[in-house]
Amino acid sequence: MQSLVATLSESRILVYPGRLPDAIAGAPVATPLHWAELSDSGLSARQFTLRTMADRLGQSAGPWEGMARRRHGLAGPRRRLAALRAGAHP
């Protein structure tokens, strides 16, 4: 039996004790889509494989293009959470 162990942080470890799936030639992979792609009547999950992903990712940054410009930090939400836990209102 094969298992997967991944260290998520110093105190967290993920262990998958089952059998890892074998690779299947031509198997589809998950990929993000642009909204406009959803209207394509020829869209099929089978068109996205490990072999086709390199070309797809090379065409554009994908649906998350520009996301870095709109990112938000976690400092504010962490302060509000701490205040809620302490019983105060933020």
C-alpha atoms as a PDB file:
ATOM      1  CA  MET A   1       0.000   0.000   0.000  1.00  0.00           C
ATOM      2  CA  GLN A   2       1.248   3.431  -0.938  1.00  0.00           C
ATOM      3  CA  SER A   3       0.760   6.493   1.231  1.00  0.00           C
ATOM      4  CA  LEU A   4       1.289  10.191   0.811  1.00  0.00           C
ATOM      5  CA  VAL A   5       2.712  12.335   3.587  1.00  0.00           C
ATOM      6  CA  ALA A   6       2.846  16.094   3.166  1.00  0.00           C
ATOM      7  CA  THR A   7       4.088  18.570   5.740  1.00  0.00           C
ATOM      8  CA  LEU A   8       1.684  21.507   5.791  1.00  0.00           C
ATOM      9  CA  SER A   9       3.499  23.372   8.548  1.00  0.00           C
ATOM     10  CA  GLU A  10       5.677  22.547  11.540  1.00  0.00           C
ATOM     11  CA  SER A  11       2.656  21.315  13.479  1.00  0.00           C
ATOM     12  CA  ARG A  12       0.433  19.952  10.706  1.00  0.00           C
ATOM     13  CA  ILE A  13       1.027  16.877   8.617  1.00  0.00           C
ATOM     14  CA  LEU A  14      -1.359  15.459   6.020  1.00  0.00           C
ATOM     15  CA  VAL A  15      -1.324  11.686   5.597  1.00  0.00           C
ATOM     16  CA  TYR A  16      -3.304   9.939   2.881  1.00  0.00           C
ATOM     17  CA  PRO A  17      -3.145   6.251   3.842  1.00  0.00           C
ATOM     18  CA  GLY A  18      -4.827   4.875   0.728  1.00  0.00           C
ATOM     19  CA  ARG A  19      -3.581   3.870  -2.669  1.00  0.00           C
ATOM     20  CA  LEU A  20      -2.688   6.795  -4.871  1.00  0.00           C
ATOM     21  CA  PRO A  21      -4.404   6.710  -8.254  1.00  0.00           C
ATOM     22  CA  ASP A  22      -2.327   5.627 -11.215  1.00  0.00           C
ATOM     23  CA  ALA A  23      -1.885   8.045 -14.068  1.00  0.00           C
ATOM     24  CA  ILE A  24      -4.151   7.382 -17.020  1.00  0.00           C
ATOM     25  CA  ALA A  25      -3.035   8.614 -20.424  1.00  0.00           C
ATOM     26  CA  GLY A  26      -5.313  11.370 -21.671  1.00  0.00           C
ATOM     27  CA  ALA A  27      -7.106  11.770 -18.342  1.00  0.00           C
ATOM     28  CA  PRO A  28      -8.682  15.212 -17.912  1.00  0.00           C
ATOM     29  CA  VAL A  29      -7.396  17.650 -15.304  1.00  0.00           C
ATOM     30  CA  ALA A  30      -9.162  20.502 -13.529  1.00  0.00           C
ATOM     31  CA  THR A  31      -8.484  23.954 -14.899  1.00  0.00           C
ATOM     32  CA  PRO A  32      -9.932  27.397 -14.260  1.00  0.00           C
ATOM     33  CA  LEU A  33     -12.029  28.850 -17.067  1.00  0.00           C
ATOM     34  CA  HIS A  34     -12.786  32.360 -18.219  1.00  0.00           C
ATOM     35  CA  TRP A  35     -16.507  33.190 -18.066  1.00  0.00           C
ATOM     36  CA  ALA A  36     -16.572  33.606 -21.850  1.00  0.00           C
ATOM     37  CA  GLU A  37     -15.411  30.005 -22.314  1.00  0.00           C
ATOM     38  CA  LEU A  38     -18.578  28.694 -20.678  1.00  0.00           C
ATOM     39  CA  SER A  39     -20.661  29.758 -23.681  1.00  0.00           C
ATOM     40  CA  ASP A  40     -18.577  27.560 -26.034  1.00  0.00           C
ATOM     41  CA  SER A  41     -20.844  24.678 -27.101  1.00  0.00           C
ATOM     42  CA  GLY A  42     -17.775  22.566 -27.877  1.00  0.00           C
ATOM     43  CA  LEU A  43     -16.356  22.896 -24.362  1.00  0.00           C
ATOM     44  CA  SER A  44     -15.460  19.529 -22.883  1.00  0.00           C
ATOM     45  CA  ALA A  45     -13.526  18.494 -19.793  1.00  0.00           C
ATOM     46  CA  ARG A  46     -11.700  15.979 -21.995  1.00  0.00           C
ATOM     47  CA  GLN A  47      -9.888  18.779 -23.838  1.00  0.00           C
ATOM     48  CA  PHE A  48      -7.874  19.690 -20.722  1.00  0.00           C
ATOM     49  CA  THR A  49      -5.083  17.184 -20.036  1.00  0.00           C
ATOM     50  CA  LEU A  50      -1.546  17.463 -18.708  1.00  0.00           C
ATOM     51  CA  ARG A  51      -0.346  17.560 -22.313  1.00  0.00           C
ATOM     52  CA  THR A  52      -2.632  20.481 -23.267  1.00  0.00           C
ATOM     53  CA  MET A  53      -2.178  22.539 -20.088  1.00  0.00           C
ATOM     54  CA  ALA A  54       1.285  23.877 -20.974  1.00  0.00           C
ATOM     55  CA  ASP A  55      -0.078  25.523 -24.128  1.00  0.00           C
ATOM     56  CA  ARG A  56      -3.171  26.757 -22.307  1.00  0.00           C
ATOM     57  CA  LEU A  57      -1.174  28.367 -19.509  1.00  0.00           C
ATOM     58  CA  GLY A  58       1.233  29.883 -22.023  1.00  0.00           C
ATOM     59  CA  GLN A  59      -1.615  31.696 -23.807  1.00  0.00           C
ATOM     60  CA  SER A  60      -2.553  33.907 -20.854  1.00  0.00           C
ATOM     61  CA  ALA A  61      -2.289  34.158 -17.103  1.00  0.00           C
ATOM     62  CA  GLY A  62      -5.755  32.641 -16.926  1.00  0.00           C
ATOM     63  CA  PRO A  63      -8.886  33.743 -15.120  1.00  0.00           C
ATOM     64  CA  TRP A  64      -6.838  35.037 -12.189  1.00  0.00           C
ATOM     65  CA  GLU A  65      -4.867  37.451 -14.361  1.00  0.00           C
ATOM     66  CA  GLY A  66      -4.561  40.741 -12.490  1.00  0.00           C
ATOM     67  CA  MET A  67      -5.575  39.191  -9.165  1.00  0.00           C
ATOM     68  CA  ALA A  68      -2.368  40.393  -7.483  1.00  0.00           C
ATOM     69  CA  ARG A  69      -3.472  43.985  -8.048  1.00  0.00           C
ATOM     70  CA  ARG A  70      -6.672  43.340  -6.105  1.00  0.00           C
ATOM     71  CA  ARG A  71      -5.264  41.315  -3.235  1.00  0.00           C
ATOM     72  CA  HIS A  72      -6.177  42.063   0.341  1.00  0.00           C
ATOM     73  CA  GLY A  73      -4.134  41.329   3.428  1.00  0.00           C
ATOM     74  CA  LEU A  74      -5.349  39.376   6.415  1.00  0.00           C
ATOM     75  CA  ALA A  75      -4.243  41.878   9.086  1.00  0.00           C
ATOM     76  CA  GLY A  76      -7.652  43.581   9.288  1.00  0.00           C
ATOM     77  CA  PRO A  77      -9.720  40.372   9.446  1.00  0.00           C
ATOM     78  CA  ARG A  78      -7.316  38.942  12.058  1.00  0.00           C
ATOM     79  CA  ARG A  79      -7.749  42.035  14.262  1.00  0.00           C
ATOM     80  CA  ARG A  80     -11.539  41.810  13.967  1.00  0.00           C
ATOM     81  CA  LEU A  81     -11.467  38.092  14.799  1.00  0.00           C
ATOM     82  CA  ALA A  82      -9.259  38.706  17.838  1.00  0.00           C
ATOM     83  CA  ALA A  83     -11.636  41.440  19.012  1.00  0.00           C
ATOM     84  CA  LEU A  84     -14.631  39.123  18.607  1.00  0.00           C
ATOM     85  CA  ARG A  85     -12.889  36.384  20.565  1.00  0.00           C
ATOM     86  CA  ALA A  86     -12.063  38.861  23.310  1.00  0.00           C
ATOM     87  CA  GLY A  87     -15.715  39.892  23.488  1.00  0.00           C
ATOM     88  CA  ALA A  88     -15.165  43.376  22.127  1.00  0.00           C
ATOM     89  CA  HIS A  89     -16.727  44.844  19.030  1.00  0.00           C
ATOM     90  CA  PRO A  90     -14.289  45.776  16.240  1.00  0.00           C
END
